[in-house]
Amino acid sequence: TSFSRPVIAGDRALDTAAAVAQAIAK
């Protein structure tokens, strides 16, 4: 029997330095 292929969830666009910093912090 088969196992389905794993996929990566779609990335959320990070359009500011603050958004990038917040993502890195989490």
PDB file of all heavy atoms in Angstrom:
ATOM      1  N   THR A   1       0.852  -1.181   0.000  1.00  0.00           N
ATOM      2  CA  THR A   1       0.000   0.000   0.000  1.00  0.00           C
ATOM      3  C   THR A   1       0.891   1.234   0.000  1.00  0.00           C
ATOM      4  O   THR A   1       2.080   1.161   0.287  1.00  0.00           O
ATOM      5  CB  THR A   1      -0.949   0.017   1.214  1.00  0.00           C
ATOM      6  OG1 THR A   1      -0.193  -0.208   2.415  1.00  0.00           O
ATOM      7  CG2 THR A   1      -2.000  -1.067   1.093  1.00  0.00           C
ATOM      8  N   SER A   2       0.305   2.375  -0.318  1.00  0.00           N
ATOM      9  CA  SER A   2       1.101   3.581  -0.575  1.00  0.00           C
ATOM     10  C   SER A   2       1.044   4.586   0.567  1.00  0.00           C
ATOM     11  O   SER A   2       0.109   4.597   1.371  1.00  0.00           O
ATOM     12  CB  SER A   2       0.621   4.257  -1.867  1.00  0.00           C
ATOM     13  OG  SER A   2       0.913   3.460  -2.985  1.00  0.00           O
ATOM     14  N   PHE A   3       2.053   5.423   0.594  1.00  0.00           N
ATOM     15  CA  PHE A   3       2.105   6.608   1.446  1.00  0.00           C
ATOM     16  C   PHE A   3       2.099   7.827   0.529  1.00  0.00           C
ATOM     17  O   PHE A   3       2.847   7.877  -0.446  1.00  0.00           O
ATOM     18  CB  PHE A   3       3.380   6.635   2.295  1.00  0.00           C
ATOM     19  CG  PHE A   3       3.477   5.537   3.311  1.00  0.00           C
ATOM     20  CD1 PHE A   3       4.124   4.351   3.003  1.00  0.00           C
ATOM     21  CD2 PHE A   3       2.928   5.688   4.577  1.00  0.00           C
ATOM     22  CE1 PHE A   3       4.228   3.337   3.938  1.00  0.00           C
ATOM     23  CE2 PHE A   3       3.023   4.672   5.510  1.00  0.00           C
ATOM     24  CZ  PHE A   3       3.675   3.495   5.199  1.00  0.00           C
ATOM     25  N   SER A   4       1.266   8.800   0.839  1.00  0.00           N
ATOM     26  CA  SER A   4       1.181   9.972  -0.025  1.00  0.00           C
ATOM     27  C   SER A   4       2.393  10.872   0.158  1.00  0.00           C
ATOM     28  O   SER A   4       3.079  10.844   1.182  1.00  0.00           O
ATOM     29  CB  SER A   4      -0.105  10.757   0.255  1.00  0.00           C
ATOM     30  OG  SER A   4      -0.181  11.146   1.602  1.00  0.00           O
ATOM     31  N   ARG A   5       2.622  11.664  -0.847  1.00  0.00           N
ATOM     32  CA  ARG A   5       3.809  12.521  -0.887  1.00  0.00           C
ATOM     33  C   ARG A   5       3.671  13.686   0.087  1.00  0.00           C
ATOM     34  O   ARG A   5       2.647  14.380   0.095  1.00  0.00           O
ATOM     35  CB  ARG A   5       3.966  13.042  -2.314  1.00  0.00           C
ATOM     36  CG  ARG A   5       5.243  13.815  -2.582  1.00  0.00           C
ATOM     37  CD  ARG A   5       5.269  14.245  -4.037  1.00  0.00           C
ATOM     38  NE  ARG A   5       6.567  14.800  -4.366  1.00  0.00           N
ATOM     39  CZ  ARG A   5       7.619  14.055  -4.688  1.00  0.00           C
ATOM     40  NH1 ARG A   5       7.503  12.748  -4.739  1.00  0.00           N
ATOM     41  NH2 ARG A   5       8.776  14.618  -4.966  1.00  0.00           N
ATOM     42  N   PRO A   6       4.690  13.960   0.915  1.00  0.00           N
ATOM     43  CA  PRO A   6       4.618  15.121   1.801  1.00  0.00           C
ATOM     44  C   PRO A   6       4.828  16.409   1.016  1.00  0.00           C
ATOM     45  O   PRO A   6       5.589  16.448   0.047  1.00  0.00           O
ATOM     46  CB  PRO A   6       5.767  14.893   2.791  1.00  0.00           C
ATOM     47  CG  PRO A   6       6.762  14.088   2.015  1.00  0.00           C
ATOM     48  CD  PRO A   6       5.956  13.225   1.079  1.00  0.00           C
ATOM     49  N   VAL A   7       4.130  17.449   1.404  1.00  0.00           N
ATOM     50  CA  VAL A   7       4.261  18.746   0.731  1.00  0.00           C
ATOM     51  C   VAL A   7       4.532  19.824   1.759  1.00  0.00           C
ATOM     52  O   VAL A   7       4.226  19.683   2.943  1.00  0.00           O
ATOM     53  CB  VAL A   7       2.985  19.104  -0.064  1.00  0.00           C
ATOM     54  CG1 VAL A   7       2.761  18.112  -1.193  1.00  0.00           C
ATOM     55  CG2 VAL A   7       1.766  19.134   0.846  1.00  0.00           C
ATOM     56  N   ILE A   8       5.112  20.910   1.289  1.00  0.00           N
ATOM     57  CA  ILE A   8       5.405  22.053   2.152  1.00  0.00           C
ATOM     58  C   ILE A   8       4.255  23.030   2.068  1.00  0.00           C
ATOM     59  O   ILE A   8       3.790  23.366   0.981  1.00  0.00           O
ATOM     60  CB  ILE A   8       6.717  22.745   1.726  1.00  0.00           C
ATOM     61  CG1 ILE A   8       7.877  21.732   1.725  1.00  0.00           C
ATOM     62  CG2 ILE A   8       7.034  23.925   2.632  1.00  0.00           C
ATOM     63  CD1 ILE A   8       9.148  22.278   1.130  1.00  0.00           C
ATOM     64  N   ALA A   9       3.792  23.485   3.223  1.00  0.00           N
ATOM     65  CA  ALA A   9       2.722  24.475   3.240  1.00  0.00           C
ATOM     66  C   ALA A   9       3.190  25.746   2.552  1.00  0.00           C
ATOM     67  O   ALA A   9       4.368  26.114   2.610  1.00  0.00           O
ATOM     68  CB  ALA A   9       2.306  24.766   4.673  1.00  0.00           C
ATOM     69  N   GLY A  10       2.274  26.454   1.898  1.00  0.00           N
ATOM     70  CA  GLY A  10       2.630  27.682   1.188  1.00  0.00           C
ATOM     71  C   GLY A  10       3.198  28.737   2.123  1.00  0.00           C
ATOM     72  O   GLY A  10       2.724  28.921   3.247  1.00  0.00           O
ATOM     73  N   ASP A  11       4.236  29.406   1.670  1.00  0.00           N
ATOM     74  CA  ASP A  11       4.869  30.452   2.476  1.00  0.00           C
ATOM     75  C   ASP A  11       4.061  31.742   2.431  1.00  0.00           C
ATOM     76  O   ASP A  11       3.487  32.102   1.416  1.00  0.00           O
ATOM     77  CB  ASP A  11       6.287  30.740   1.965  1.00  0.00           C
ATOM     78  CG  ASP A  11       7.222  29.569   2.195  1.00  0.00           C
ATOM     79  OD1 ASP A  11       6.992  28.830   3.165  1.00  0.00           O
ATOM     80  OD2 ASP A  11       8.164  29.401   1.404  1.00  0.00           O
ATOM     81  N   ARG A  12       4.047  32.434   3.563  1.00  0.00           N
ATOM     82  CA  ARG A  12       3.413  33.748   3.627  1.00  0.00           C
ATOM     83  C   ARG A  12       4.454  34.805   3.242  1.00  0.00           C
ATOM     84  O   ARG A  12       5.585  34.779   3.722  1.00  0.00           O
ATOM     85  CB  ARG A  12       2.898  34.003   5.055  1.00  0.00           C
ATOM     86  CG  ARG A  12       2.295  35.381   5.263  1.00  0.00           C
ATOM     87  CD  ARG A  12       1.648  35.453   6.646  1.00  0.00           C
ATOM     88  NE  ARG A  12       2.581  35.130   7.699  1.00  0.00           N
ATOM     89  CZ  ARG A  12       3.373  36.028   8.297  1.00  0.00           C
ATOM     90  NH1 ARG A  12       3.368  37.288   7.902  1.00  0.00           N
ATOM     91  NH2 ARG A  12       4.177  35.660   9.274  1.00  0.00           N
ATOM     92  N   ALA A  13       4.090  35.703   2.368  1.00  0.00           N
ATOM     93  CA  ALA A  13       5.027  36.739   1.931  1.00  0.00           C
ATOM     94  C   ALA A  13       5.407  37.640   3.098  1.00  0.00           C
ATOM     95  O   ALA A  13       4.565  38.073   3.881  1.00  0.00           O
ATOM     96  CB  ALA A  13       4.395  37.561   0.813  1.00  0.00           C
ATOM     97  N   LEU A  14       6.706  37.905   3.228  1.00  0.00           N
ATOM     98  CA  LEU A  14       7.214  38.797   4.278  1.00  0.00           C
ATOM     99  C   LEU A  14       7.785  40.021   3.577  1.00  0.00           C
ATOM    100  O   LEU A  14       8.852  39.962   2.975  1.00  0.00           O
ATOM    101  CB  LEU A  14       8.283  38.080   5.109  1.00  0.00           C
ATOM    102  CG  LEU A  14       7.838  36.763   5.770  1.00  0.00           C
ATOM    103  CD1 LEU A  14       9.013  36.096   6.469  1.00  0.00           C
ATOM    104  CD2 LEU A  14       6.703  37.010   6.750  1.00  0.00           C
ATOM    105  N   ASP A  15       7.061  41.131   3.662  1.00  0.00           N
ATOM    106  CA  ASP A  15       7.430  42.277   2.845  1.00  0.00           C
ATOM    107  C   ASP A  15       8.118  43.395   3.606  1.00  0.00           C
ATOM    108  O   ASP A  15       8.438  44.436   3.037  1.00  0.00           O
ATOM    109  CB  ASP A  15       6.190  42.832   2.129  1.00  0.00           C
ATOM    110  CG  ASP A  15       5.045  43.129   3.103  1.00  0.00           C
ATOM    111  OD1 ASP A  15       5.261  42.998   4.333  1.00  0.00           O
ATOM    112  OD2 ASP A  15       3.957  43.489   2.631  1.00  0.00           O
ATOM    113  N   THR A  16       8.358  43.207   4.904  1.00  0.00           N
ATOM    114  CA  THR A  16       9.075  44.233   5.665  1.00  0.00           C
ATOM    115  C   THR A  16      10.119  43.568   6.549  1.00  0.00           C
ATOM    116  O   THR A  16      10.016  42.382   6.879  1.00  0.00           O
ATOM    117  CB  THR A  16       8.113  45.037   6.555  1.00  0.00           C
ATOM    118  OG1 THR A  16       7.593  44.184   7.582  1.00  0.00           O
ATOM    119  CG2 THR A  16       6.977  45.637   5.749  1.00  0.00           C
ATOM    120  N   ALA A  17      11.121  44.359   6.946  1.00  0.00           N
ATOM    121  CA  ALA A  17      12.158  43.839   7.838  1.00  0.00           C
ATOM    122  C   ALA A  17      11.566  43.413   9.169  1.00  0.00           C
ATOM    123  O   ALA A  17      11.989  42.419   9.772  1.00  0.00           O
ATOM    124  CB  ALA A  17      13.228  44.908   8.051  1.00  0.00           C
ATOM    125  N   ALA A  18      10.540  44.144   9.620  1.00  0.00           N
ATOM    126  CA  ALA A  18       9.900  43.802  10.898  1.00  0.00           C
ATOM    127  C   ALA A  18       9.197  42.447  10.806  1.00  0.00           C
ATOM    128  O   ALA A  18       9.241  41.643  11.745  1.00  0.00           O
ATOM    129  CB  ALA A  18       8.901  44.886  11.292  1.00  0.00           C
ATOM    130  N   ALA A  19       8.569  42.186   9.646  1.00  0.00           N
ATOM    131  CA  ALA A  19       7.877  40.907   9.466  1.00  0.00           C
ATOM    132  C   ALA A  19       8.865  39.750   9.443  1.00  0.00           C
ATOM    133  O   ALA A  19       8.612  38.679  10.013  1.00  0.00           O
ATOM    134  CB  ALA A  19       7.063  40.927   8.181  1.00  0.00           C
ATOM    135  N   VAL A  20      10.014  39.960   8.798  1.00  0.00           N
ATOM    136  CA  VAL A  20      11.055  38.936   8.770  1.00  0.00           C
ATOM    137  C   VAL A  20      11.569  38.675  10.180  1.00  0.00           C
ATOM    138  O   VAL A  20      11.715  37.526  10.617  1.00  0.00           O
ATOM    139  CB  VAL A  20      12.204  39.349   7.844  1.00  0.00           C
ATOM    140  CG1 VAL A  20      13.369  38.372   7.980  1.00  0.00           C
ATOM    141  CG2 VAL A  20      11.735  39.414   6.400  1.00  0.00           C
ATOM    142  N   ALA A  21      11.833  39.743  10.928  1.00  0.00           N
ATOM    143  CA  ALA A  21      12.332  39.593  12.297  1.00  0.00           C
ATOM    144  C   ALA A  21      11.334  38.848  13.170  1.00  0.00           C
ATOM    145  O   ALA A  21      11.709  38.011  13.999  1.00  0.00           O
ATOM    146  CB  ALA A  21      12.636  40.969  12.888  1.00  0.00           C
ATOM    147  N   GLN A  22      10.049  39.145  12.986  1.00  0.00           N
ATOM    148  CA  GLN A  22       9.016  38.473  13.768  1.00  0.00           C
ATOM    149  C   GLN A  22       8.955  36.990  13.425  1.00  0.00           C
ATOM    150  O   GLN A  22       8.798  36.138  14.309  1.00  0.00           O
ATOM    151  CB  GLN A  22       7.659  39.128  13.512  1.00  0.00           C
ATOM    152  CG  GLN A  22       6.539  38.577  14.390  1.00  0.00           C
ATOM    153  CD  GLN A  22       5.220  39.268  14.127  1.00  0.00           C
ATOM    154  OE1 GLN A  22       4.932  39.680  13.005  1.00  0.00           O
ATOM    155  NE2 GLN A  22       4.412  39.423  15.164  1.00  0.00           N
ATOM    156  N   ALA A  23       9.098  36.672  12.141  1.00  0.00           N
ATOM    157  CA  ALA A  23       9.070  35.271  11.727  1.00  0.00           C
ATOM    158  C   ALA A  23      10.257  34.514  12.301  1.00  0.00           C
ATOM    159  O   ALA A  23      10.121  33.381  12.787  1.00  0.00           O
ATOM    160  CB  ALA A  23       9.058  35.177  10.204  1.00  0.00           C
ATOM    161  N   ILE A  24      11.435  35.132  12.253  1.00  0.00           N
ATOM    162  CA  ILE A  24      12.634  34.489  12.795  1.00  0.00           C
ATOM    163  C   ILE A  24      12.478  34.240  14.286  1.00  0.00           C
ATOM    164  O   ILE A  24      12.943  33.242  14.838  1.00  0.00           O
ATOM    165  CB  ILE A  24      13.886  35.353  12.522  1.00  0.00           C
ATOM    166  CG1 ILE A  24      14.195  35.385  11.012  1.00  0.00           C
ATOM    167  CG2 ILE A  24      15.089  34.854  13.301  1.00  0.00           C
ATOM    168  CD1 ILE A  24      14.645  34.069  10.445  1.00  0.00           C
ATOM    169  N   ALA A  25      11.796  35.144  14.975  1.00  0.00           N
ATOM    170  CA  ALA A  25      11.616  35.024  16.423  1.00  0.00           C
ATOM    171  C   ALA A  25      10.639  33.925  16.797  1.00  0.00           C
ATOM    172  O   ALA A  25      10.537  33.559  17.968  1.00  0.00           O
ATOM    173  CB  ALA A  25      11.138  36.348  16.999  1.00  0.00           C
ATOM    174  N   LYS A  26       9.917  33.397  15.811  1.00  0.00           N
ATOM    175  CA  LYS A  26       8.919  32.365  16.102  1.00  0.00           C
ATOM    176  C   LYS A  26       9.231  31.059  15.380  1.00  0.00           C
ATOM    177  O   LYS A  26       8.339  30.312  15.005  1.00  0.00           O
ATOM    178  CB  LYS A  26       7.529  32.869  15.699  1.00  0.00           C
ATOM    179  CG  LYS A  26       7.020  34.026  16.549  1.00  0.00           C
ATOM    180  CD  LYS A  26       5.612  34.417  16.131  1.00  0.00           C
ATOM    181  CE  LYS A  26       5.075  35.539  17.011  1.00  0.00           C
ATOM    182  NZ  LYS A  26       3.699  35.947  16.616  1.00  0.00           N
TER     183      LYS A  26
END
